[in-house]
Amino acid sequence: MILSDMRRDFLLFTVLLVVSANAAAQTPAPAVLHVRAEGRTIEVGQAELAPLPRRTIETTDGGRPVRFEGIRLADVLARAGVTFGQTMRGERLAGYLLARASDGYRVVFALPEIDPDFAVQEIIIADRQDGAPLPSRDGPLRIIAAGDKRHARWVRGLVALELHAAPAP
């Protein structure tokens, strides 16, 4: 009787351990984005993203329709002091943004591509896909540049944005 109670307790413990491990694996990591621009670095988390206007982009990914939701990249950069619109001229046109992923992947966007007054396409930092948080392999944050023919700049696991200026000749 004692042995069967021990087996039952061990089995119950094992089931609880597996269930809690699965729950932890499905809980998205908190999104913290490091933004370096205009001579300062800020951390942008859920609290800073929450009041910003949300955008939805319907596109295809892997040949299937998908709906991404998130914040416009320009709005996130504005939180770090980056200005767009009338200030986008002269040397500012040589500015670029380096986006970094948690696995070391990096891509570049020209600053005018991000400016809503310049660009035709909208680039967002998505945190939701088809009404749910991004899958763990893609999130918690992902850049979506739906106007790109290839999705090579759709940065998964986005962790940092850095504003730079191209060197003068």
N, C-alpha and C. Protein backbone atom coordinates (compact mmCIF):
# COMPACT_ATOMS: atom_id res chain seq x y z
N MET A 1 0.82 -1.20 0.00
CA MET A 1 0.00 0.00 0.00
C MET A 1 0.86 1.26 0.00
N ILE A 2 1.92 1.27 0.80
CA ILE A 2 2.79 2.43 0.85
C ILE A 2 3.49 2.63 -0.48
N LEU A 3 3.91 1.53 -1.11
CA LEU A 3 4.58 1.64 -2.40
C LEU A 3 3.65 2.21 -3.47
N SER A 4 2.39 1.77 -3.49
CA SER A 4 1.46 2.30 -4.50
C SER A 4 1.15 3.78 -4.23
N ASP A 5 1.11 4.19 -2.96
CA ASP A 5 0.92 5.61 -2.65
C ASP A 5 2.11 6.43 -3.14
N MET A 6 3.31 5.87 -2.98
CA MET A 6 4.50 6.57 -3.44
C MET A 6 4.50 6.69 -4.97
N ARG A 7 4.08 5.62 -5.65
CA ARG A 7 4.00 5.67 -7.11
C ARG A 7 2.97 6.70 -7.56
N ARG A 8 1.83 6.72 -6.89
CA ARG A 8 0.79 7.68 -7.23
C ARG A 8 1.31 9.10 -7.03
N ASP A 9 1.98 9.36 -5.90
CA ASP A 9 2.52 10.68 -5.61
C ASP A 9 3.58 11.07 -6.64
N PHE A 10 4.43 10.10 -7.01
CA PHE A 10 5.46 10.36 -8.00
C PHE A 10 4.82 10.69 -9.35
N LEU A 11 3.80 9.92 -9.74
CA LEU A 11 3.12 10.15 -11.00
C LEU A 11 2.45 11.53 -10.99
N LEU A 12 1.79 11.88 -9.90
CA LEU A 12 1.15 13.19 -9.79
C LEU A 12 2.18 14.32 -9.88
N PHE A 13 3.30 14.15 -9.19
CA PHE A 13 4.38 15.14 -9.23
C PHE A 13 4.90 15.30 -10.65
N THR A 14 5.09 14.19 -11.37
CA THR A 14 5.59 14.23 -12.73
C THR A 14 4.61 14.95 -13.65
N VAL A 15 3.34 14.66 -13.52
CA VAL A 15 2.32 15.32 -14.35
C VAL A 15 2.31 16.82 -14.07
N LEU A 16 2.36 17.22 -12.80
CA LEU A 16 2.38 18.64 -12.45
C LEU A 16 3.62 19.33 -12.99
N LEU A 17 4.74 18.65 -12.94
CA LEU A 17 5.99 19.22 -13.45
C LEU A 17 5.90 19.45 -14.96
N VAL A 18 5.37 18.48 -15.70
CA VAL A 18 5.24 18.60 -17.15
C VAL A 18 4.24 19.71 -17.50
N VAL A 19 3.12 19.76 -16.79
CA VAL A 19 2.11 20.79 -17.05
C VAL A 19 2.69 22.18 -16.79
N SER A 20 3.41 22.33 -15.68
CA SER A 20 3.97 23.65 -15.37
C SER A 20 5.07 24.03 -16.36
N ALA A 21 5.85 23.08 -16.82
CA ALA A 21 6.88 23.37 -17.81
C ALA A 21 6.25 23.80 -19.12
N ASN A 22 5.17 23.14 -19.54
CA ASN A 22 4.48 23.52 -20.76
C ASN A 22 3.86 24.91 -20.64
N ALA A 23 3.29 25.22 -19.50
CA ALA A 23 2.69 26.55 -19.29
C ALA A 23 3.78 27.61 -19.35
N ALA A 24 4.93 27.34 -18.76
CA ALA A 24 6.03 28.31 -18.79
C ALA A 24 6.53 28.50 -20.20
N ALA A 25 6.57 27.43 -20.98
CA ALA A 25 7.06 27.53 -22.36
C ALA A 25 6.10 28.31 -23.24
N GLN A 26 4.80 28.27 -22.92
CA GLN A 26 3.81 28.97 -23.73
C GLN A 26 3.62 30.42 -23.29
N THR A 27 4.09 30.79 -22.11
CA THR A 27 3.96 32.15 -21.65
C THR A 27 5.01 33.00 -22.37
N PRO A 28 4.55 34.00 -23.14
CA PRO A 28 5.53 34.80 -23.87
C PRO A 28 6.43 35.59 -22.93
N ALA A 29 7.69 35.71 -23.32
CA ALA A 29 8.63 36.49 -22.53
C ALA A 29 8.22 37.96 -22.61
N PRO A 30 8.46 38.72 -21.55
CA PRO A 30 8.11 40.13 -21.62
C PRO A 30 8.93 40.83 -22.70
N ALA A 31 8.26 41.66 -23.46
CA ALA A 31 8.92 42.36 -24.56
C ALA A 31 9.62 43.60 -24.04
N VAL A 32 10.92 43.64 -24.20
CA VAL A 32 11.71 44.83 -23.89
C VAL A 32 12.58 45.12 -25.10
N LEU A 33 12.43 46.31 -25.63
CA LEU A 33 13.15 46.72 -26.81
C LEU A 33 14.10 47.85 -26.43
N HIS A 34 15.37 47.71 -26.78
CA HIS A 34 16.37 48.74 -26.52
C HIS A 34 16.47 49.63 -27.76
N VAL A 35 16.21 50.91 -27.58
CA VAL A 35 16.21 51.84 -28.70
C VAL A 35 17.29 52.90 -28.46
N ARG A 36 18.26 52.95 -29.39
CA ARG A 36 19.33 53.95 -29.29
C ARG A 36 19.18 54.94 -30.45
N ALA A 37 18.89 56.18 -30.08
CA ALA A 37 18.67 57.21 -31.09
C ALA A 37 18.88 58.58 -30.47
N GLU A 38 19.30 59.51 -31.30
CA GLU A 38 19.45 60.90 -30.87
C GLU A 38 20.29 61.04 -29.60
N GLY A 39 21.35 60.22 -29.50
CA GLY A 39 22.29 60.33 -28.39
C GLY A 39 21.85 59.72 -27.07
N ARG A 40 20.78 58.95 -27.09
CA ARG A 40 20.35 58.31 -25.84
C ARG A 40 19.79 56.92 -26.14
N THR A 41 19.77 56.12 -25.10
CA THR A 41 19.21 54.78 -25.20
C THR A 41 18.05 54.67 -24.22
N ILE A 42 16.94 54.15 -24.70
CA ILE A 42 15.79 53.93 -23.83
C ILE A 42 15.36 52.48 -23.95
N GLU A 43 14.69 52.01 -22.92
CA GLU A 43 14.06 50.69 -22.97
C GLU A 43 12.57 50.90 -23.17
N VAL A 44 12.04 50.21 -24.15
CA VAL A 44 10.62 50.30 -24.45
C VAL A 44 10.01 48.95 -24.12
N GLY A 45 9.12 48.95 -23.14
CA GLY A 45 8.44 47.72 -22.74
C GLY A 45 6.95 47.82 -23.03
N GLN A 46 6.21 46.87 -22.53
CA GLN A 46 4.76 46.84 -22.76
C GLN A 46 4.08 48.11 -22.26
N ALA A 47 4.53 48.64 -21.13
CA ALA A 47 3.91 49.85 -20.57
C ALA A 47 4.08 51.04 -21.51
N GLU A 48 5.23 51.14 -22.18
CA GLU A 48 5.47 52.25 -23.11
C GLU A 48 4.75 52.02 -24.44
N LEU A 49 4.56 50.77 -24.83
CA LEU A 49 3.89 50.47 -26.09
C LEU A 49 2.37 50.58 -25.99
N ALA A 50 1.83 50.30 -24.82
CA ALA A 50 0.38 50.23 -24.64
C ALA A 50 -0.38 51.48 -25.08
N PRO A 51 0.09 52.69 -24.76
CA PRO A 51 -0.70 53.87 -25.16
C PRO A 51 -0.55 54.26 -26.63
N LEU A 52 0.38 53.68 -27.34
CA LEU A 52 0.60 54.04 -28.75
C LEU A 52 -0.49 53.45 -29.63
N PRO A 53 -0.83 54.15 -30.73
CA PRO A 53 -1.87 53.64 -31.62
C PRO A 53 -1.49 52.29 -32.22
N ARG A 54 -2.44 51.39 -32.27
CA ARG A 54 -2.21 50.05 -32.83
C ARG A 54 -2.51 50.07 -34.32
N ARG A 55 -1.77 49.23 -35.04
CA ARG A 55 -1.95 49.07 -36.48
C ARG A 55 -2.15 47.60 -36.78
N THR A 56 -2.85 47.34 -37.87
CA THR A 56 -3.05 45.97 -38.34
C THR A 56 -2.59 45.90 -39.79
N ILE A 57 -1.81 44.88 -40.09
CA ILE A 57 -1.35 44.64 -41.46
C ILE A 57 -1.80 43.24 -41.86
N GLU A 58 -2.54 43.17 -42.97
CA GLU A 58 -2.93 41.88 -43.53
C GLU A 58 -2.05 41.61 -44.73
N THR A 59 -1.39 40.46 -44.70
CA THR A 59 -0.43 40.13 -45.74
C THR A 59 -0.39 38.60 -45.88
N THR A 60 0.64 38.09 -46.50
CA THR A 60 0.83 36.65 -46.56
C THR A 60 2.19 36.32 -45.96
N ASP A 61 2.28 35.15 -45.37
CA ASP A 61 3.53 34.65 -44.82
C ASP A 61 3.58 33.17 -45.13
N GLY A 62 4.58 32.77 -45.90
CA GLY A 62 4.67 31.37 -46.31
C GLY A 62 3.51 30.97 -47.21
N GLY A 63 2.96 31.93 -47.97
CA GLY A 63 1.88 31.64 -48.90
C GLY A 63 0.49 31.62 -48.29
N ARG A 64 0.38 31.85 -47.00
CA ARG A 64 -0.94 31.85 -46.37
C ARG A 64 -1.26 33.25 -45.83
N PRO A 65 -2.55 33.61 -45.84
CA PRO A 65 -2.92 34.92 -45.32
C PRO A 65 -2.67 34.99 -43.81
N VAL A 66 -2.20 36.16 -43.37
CA VAL A 66 -1.91 36.35 -41.95
C VAL A 66 -2.19 37.80 -41.59
N ARG A 67 -2.59 38.02 -40.35
CA ARG A 67 -2.87 39.38 -39.86
C ARG A 67 -1.96 39.66 -38.68
N PHE A 68 -1.11 40.68 -38.84
CA PHE A 68 -0.21 41.10 -37.77
C PHE A 68 -0.76 42.37 -37.13
N GLU A 69 -0.59 42.48 -35.82
CA GLU A 69 -0.99 43.67 -35.09
C GLU A 69 0.20 44.18 -34.30
N GLY A 70 0.33 45.50 -34.23
CA GLY A 70 1.42 46.07 -33.48
C GLY A 70 1.45 47.58 -33.55
N ILE A 71 2.61 48.13 -33.32
CA ILE A 71 2.83 49.57 -33.26
C ILE A 71 3.67 49.98 -34.46
N ARG A 72 3.35 51.10 -35.05
CA ARG A 72 4.15 51.62 -36.17
C ARG A 72 5.57 51.88 -35.70
N LEU A 73 6.55 51.44 -36.47
CA LEU A 73 7.96 51.63 -36.13
C LEU A 73 8.28 53.10 -35.90
N ALA A 74 7.73 53.98 -36.72
CA ALA A 74 7.96 55.42 -36.56
C ALA A 74 7.49 55.92 -35.19
N ASP A 75 6.39 55.39 -34.68
CA ASP A 75 5.87 55.82 -33.37
C ASP A 75 6.80 55.38 -32.25
N VAL A 76 7.39 54.20 -32.37
CA VAL A 76 8.33 53.73 -31.35
C VAL A 76 9.59 54.60 -31.37
N LEU A 77 10.09 54.91 -32.57
CA LEU A 77 11.27 55.76 -32.67
C LEU A 77 10.99 57.17 -32.15
N ALA A 78 9.79 57.67 -32.35
CA ALA A 78 9.43 58.99 -31.84
C ALA A 78 9.53 59.04 -30.31
N ARG A 79 9.25 57.91 -29.64
CA ARG A 79 9.40 57.84 -28.18
C ARG A 79 10.85 58.07 -27.76
N ALA A 80 11.77 57.78 -28.67
CA ALA A 80 13.21 57.97 -28.39
C ALA A 80 13.71 59.31 -28.90
N GLY A 81 12.81 60.17 -29.39
CA GLY A 81 13.19 61.50 -29.81
C GLY A 81 13.45 61.67 -31.29
N VAL A 82 13.21 60.65 -32.09
CA VAL A 82 13.41 60.76 -33.54
C VAL A 82 12.23 61.52 -34.13
N THR A 83 12.55 62.52 -34.96
CA THR A 83 11.49 63.29 -35.60
C THR A 83 11.41 62.93 -37.07
N PHE A 84 10.21 63.04 -37.60
CA PHE A 84 9.96 62.73 -39.00
C PHE A 84 9.25 63.92 -39.64
N GLY A 85 8.79 63.75 -40.86
CA GLY A 85 8.05 64.82 -41.53
C GLY A 85 8.97 65.87 -42.11
N GLN A 86 8.74 67.14 -41.75
CA GLN A 86 9.48 68.26 -42.32
C GLN A 86 10.97 68.22 -42.01
N THR A 87 11.38 67.51 -40.95
CA THR A 87 12.81 67.44 -40.60
C THR A 87 13.56 66.43 -41.47
N MET A 88 12.85 65.66 -42.28
CA MET A 88 13.48 64.64 -43.10
C MET A 88 13.99 65.24 -44.39
N ARG A 89 15.17 65.86 -44.31
CA ARG A 89 15.81 66.45 -45.49
C ARG A 89 17.30 66.57 -45.20
N GLY A 90 18.06 66.87 -46.26
CA GLY A 90 19.51 67.05 -46.09
C GLY A 90 20.17 65.79 -45.54
N GLU A 91 21.03 65.99 -44.54
CA GLU A 91 21.79 64.89 -43.94
C GLU A 91 20.90 63.81 -43.33
N ARG A 92 19.69 64.17 -42.90
CA ARG A 92 18.78 63.17 -42.31
C ARG A 92 18.41 62.09 -43.31
N LEU A 93 18.46 62.43 -44.60
CA LEU A 93 18.13 61.44 -45.63
C LEU A 93 19.18 60.34 -45.72
N ALA A 94 20.34 60.54 -45.11
CA ALA A 94 21.40 59.52 -45.08
C ALA A 94 21.35 58.71 -43.79
N GLY A 95 20.30 58.89 -43.01
CA GLY A 95 20.16 58.13 -41.78
C GLY A 95 19.62 56.73 -42.05
N TYR A 96 19.98 55.82 -41.16
CA TYR A 96 19.47 54.46 -41.30
C TYR A 96 19.26 53.84 -39.92
N LEU A 97 18.42 52.83 -39.89
CA LEU A 97 18.10 52.13 -38.65
C LEU A 97 18.63 50.70 -38.76
N LEU A 98 19.38 50.29 -37.75
CA LEU A 98 19.85 48.92 -37.66
C LEU A 98 18.94 48.21 -36.66
N ALA A 99 18.26 47.17 -37.10
CA ALA A 99 17.38 46.37 -36.24
C ALA A 99 18.08 45.07 -35.92
N ARG A 100 18.11 44.72 -34.62
CA ARG A 100 18.81 43.52 -34.16
C ARG A 100 17.84 42.52 -33.53
N ALA A 101 18.10 41.25 -33.82
CA ALA A 101 17.31 40.16 -33.24
C ALA A 101 18.09 39.51 -32.11
N SER A 102 17.39 38.76 -31.29
CA SER A 102 18.02 38.09 -30.15
C SER A 102 19.06 37.06 -30.59
N ASP A 103 18.96 36.53 -31.81
CA ASP A 103 19.92 35.53 -32.30
C ASP A 103 21.09 36.17 -33.06
N GLY A 104 21.18 37.51 -33.07
CA GLY A 104 22.27 38.20 -33.74
C GLY A 104 21.94 38.65 -35.16
N TYR A 105 20.81 38.24 -35.69
CA TYR A 105 20.40 38.66 -37.03
C TYR A 105 20.23 40.18 -37.05
N ARG A 106 20.65 40.82 -38.15
CA ARG A 106 20.56 42.27 -38.26
C ARG A 106 20.09 42.66 -39.65
N VAL A 107 19.28 43.73 -39.70
CA VAL A 107 18.85 44.28 -40.98
C VAL A 107 18.88 45.80 -40.89
N VAL A 108 18.85 46.44 -42.06
CA VAL A 108 18.91 47.89 -42.13
C VAL A 108 17.68 48.42 -42.86
N PHE A 109 17.15 49.54 -42.35
CA PHE A 109 16.10 50.31 -43.02
C PHE A 109 16.61 51.73 -43.18
N ALA A 110 16.47 52.30 -44.38
CA ALA A 110 16.78 53.72 -44.56
C ALA A 110 15.74 54.52 -43.78
N LEU A 111 16.17 55.59 -43.14
CA LEU A 111 15.25 56.38 -42.33
C LEU A 111 14.04 56.87 -43.11
N PRO A 112 14.19 57.32 -44.36
CA PRO A 112 13.00 57.74 -45.11
C PRO A 112 11.98 56.61 -45.32
N GLU A 113 12.43 55.34 -45.35
CA GLU A 113 11.49 54.22 -45.48
C GLU A 113 10.53 54.14 -44.30
N ILE A 114 10.96 54.65 -43.16
CA ILE A 114 10.19 54.55 -41.92
C ILE A 114 9.26 55.74 -41.76
N ASP A 115 9.63 56.87 -42.36
CA ASP A 115 8.88 58.11 -42.22
C ASP A 115 7.52 58.00 -42.91
N PRO A 116 6.43 58.14 -42.17
CA PRO A 116 5.10 58.04 -42.78
C PRO A 116 4.85 59.08 -43.87
N ASP A 117 5.55 60.22 -43.82
CA ASP A 117 5.38 61.24 -44.86
C ASP A 117 6.14 60.90 -46.14
N PHE A 118 7.07 59.96 -46.08
CA PHE A 118 7.87 59.54 -47.24
C PHE A 118 7.39 58.21 -47.80
N ALA A 119 7.20 57.26 -46.93
CA ALA A 119 7.04 55.86 -47.33
C ALA A 119 5.61 55.52 -47.74
N VAL A 120 5.49 54.63 -48.68
CA VAL A 120 4.19 54.10 -49.07
C VAL A 120 3.80 52.96 -48.13
N GLN A 121 4.76 52.10 -47.84
CA GLN A 121 4.47 50.96 -46.96
C GLN A 121 4.55 51.38 -45.50
N GLU A 122 3.84 50.67 -44.68
CA GLU A 122 3.91 50.89 -43.25
C GLU A 122 4.71 49.75 -42.63
N ILE A 123 5.64 50.09 -41.78
CA ILE A 123 6.46 49.09 -41.09
C ILE A 123 6.01 49.09 -39.64
N ILE A 124 5.68 47.92 -39.12
CA ILE A 124 5.24 47.84 -37.72
C ILE A 124 6.14 46.92 -36.91
N ILE A 125 6.07 47.12 -35.61
CA ILE A 125 6.66 46.18 -34.66
C ILE A 125 5.47 45.38 -34.12
N ALA A 126 5.34 44.17 -34.62
CA ALA A 126 4.18 43.34 -34.28
C ALA A 126 4.42 42.60 -32.97
N ASP A 127 3.32 42.45 -32.21
CA ASP A 127 3.34 41.62 -31.02
C ASP A 127 2.21 40.59 -31.04
N ARG A 128 1.39 40.64 -32.10
CA ARG A 128 0.28 39.70 -32.23
C ARG A 128 0.19 39.23 -33.68
N GLN A 129 -0.24 37.98 -33.82
CA GLN A 129 -0.45 37.38 -35.14
C GLN A 129 -1.76 36.63 -35.11
N ASP A 130 -2.66 36.97 -36.02
CA ASP A 130 -3.97 36.32 -36.10
C ASP A 130 -4.71 36.34 -34.77
N GLY A 131 -4.61 37.46 -34.05
CA GLY A 131 -5.36 37.65 -32.81
C GLY A 131 -4.73 37.07 -31.57
N ALA A 132 -3.57 36.46 -31.68
CA ALA A 132 -2.89 35.85 -30.52
C ALA A 132 -1.47 36.40 -30.43
N PRO A 133 -0.84 36.27 -29.26
CA PRO A 133 0.57 36.68 -29.18
C PRO A 133 1.39 35.94 -30.24
N LEU A 134 2.46 36.58 -30.69
CA LEU A 134 3.33 35.93 -31.67
C LEU A 134 3.79 34.57 -31.17
N PRO A 135 3.96 33.60 -32.05
CA PRO A 135 4.53 32.32 -31.62
C PRO A 135 5.92 32.55 -31.01
N SER A 136 6.32 31.74 -30.07
CA SER A 136 7.59 31.94 -29.36
C SER A 136 8.78 31.99 -30.31
N ARG A 137 8.75 31.29 -31.44
CA ARG A 137 9.87 31.31 -32.38
C ARG A 137 9.99 32.65 -33.09
N ASP A 138 8.92 33.46 -33.08
CA ASP A 138 8.91 34.74 -33.79
C ASP A 138 8.97 35.95 -32.87
N GLY A 139 8.59 35.80 -31.61
CA GLY A 139 8.39 36.96 -30.75
C GLY A 139 9.36 37.06 -29.62
N PRO A 140 9.05 37.89 -28.66
CA PRO A 140 7.76 38.53 -28.47
C PRO A 140 7.50 39.72 -29.39
N LEU A 141 8.53 40.25 -30.05
CA LEU A 141 8.35 41.35 -30.99
C LEU A 141 8.96 40.96 -32.34
N ARG A 142 8.32 41.46 -33.41
CA ARG A 142 8.81 41.15 -34.76
C ARG A 142 8.54 42.33 -35.68
N ILE A 143 9.52 42.71 -36.46
CA ILE A 143 9.30 43.76 -37.47
C ILE A 143 8.59 43.13 -38.66
N ILE A 144 7.56 43.83 -39.13
CA ILE A 144 6.84 43.42 -40.33
C ILE A 144 6.90 44.57 -41.33
N ALA A 145 7.56 44.34 -42.45
CA ALA A 145 7.63 45.30 -43.55
C ALA A 145 6.88 44.66 -44.71
N ALA A 146 5.57 44.78 -44.68
CA ALA A 146 4.71 44.03 -45.60
C ALA A 146 4.94 44.41 -47.05
N GLY A 147 5.49 45.59 -47.33
CA GLY A 147 5.74 46.00 -48.70
C GLY A 147 6.95 45.35 -49.32
N ASP A 148 7.78 44.71 -48.51
CA ASP A 148 8.95 44.01 -49.06
C ASP A 148 8.49 42.76 -49.80
N LYS A 149 9.02 42.53 -51.00
CA LYS A 149 8.65 41.33 -51.75
C LYS A 149 9.18 40.06 -51.08
N ARG A 150 10.35 40.17 -50.47
CA ARG A 150 10.91 39.06 -49.69
C ARG A 150 10.85 39.45 -48.24
N HIS A 151 10.68 38.49 -47.38
CA HIS A 151 10.50 38.76 -45.95
C HIS A 151 11.81 38.71 -45.16
N ALA A 152 12.90 38.95 -45.82
CA ALA A 152 14.21 38.86 -45.16
C ALA A 152 14.40 39.92 -44.09
N ARG A 153 13.65 41.02 -44.16
CA ARG A 153 13.78 42.07 -43.14
C ARG A 153 12.69 41.97 -42.08
N TRP A 154 11.93 40.91 -42.07
CA TRP A 154 10.93 40.69 -41.03
C TRP A 154 11.68 40.09 -39.84
N VAL A 155 12.20 40.93 -39.00
CA VAL A 155 13.09 40.51 -37.92
C VAL A 155 12.30 39.82 -36.81
N ARG A 156 12.60 38.55 -36.59
CA ARG A 156 12.00 37.78 -35.49
C ARG A 156 12.81 38.03 -34.23
N GLY A 157 12.14 37.99 -33.08
CA GLY A 157 12.86 38.15 -31.82
C GLY A 157 13.57 39.49 -31.73
N LEU A 158 12.90 40.55 -32.17
CA LEU A 158 13.48 41.89 -32.17
C LEU A 158 13.84 42.33 -30.75
N VAL A 159 15.09 42.77 -30.56
CA VAL A 159 15.53 43.22 -29.23
C VAL A 159 16.11 44.62 -29.22
N ALA A 160 16.56 45.15 -30.38
CA ALA A 160 17.21 46.46 -30.37
C ALA A 160 17.02 47.18 -31.70
N LEU A 161 16.93 48.51 -31.57
CA LEU A 161 16.90 49.40 -32.73
C LEU A 161 17.97 50.46 -32.50
N GLU A 162 18.79 50.69 -33.51
CA GLU A 162 19.87 51.68 -33.38
C GLU A 162 19.85 52.61 -34.58
N LEU A 163 19.73 53.91 -34.31
CA LEU A 163 19.74 54.91 -35.37
C LEU A 163 21.17 55.33 -35.66
N HIS A 164 21.54 55.37 -36.94
CA HIS A 164 22.89 55.75 -37.35
C HIS A 164 22.81 56.72 -38.52
N ALA A 165 23.90 57.40 -38.78
CA ALA A 165 24.03 58.27 -39.94
C ALA A 165 25.14 57.72 -40.82
N ALA A 166 24.89 57.67 -42.11
CA ALA A 166 25.94 57.23 -43.03
C ALA A 166 27.08 58.24 -42.97
N PRO A 167 28.33 57.77 -43.02
CA PRO A 167 29.46 58.70 -42.94
C PRO A 167 29.49 59.65 -44.14
N ALA A 168 29.90 60.87 -43.88
CA ALA A 168 30.03 61.85 -44.95
C ALA A 168 31.20 61.48 -45.84
N PRO A 169 31.14 61.81 -47.13
CA PRO A 169 32.25 61.46 -48.04
C PRO A 169 33.51 62.23 -47.70
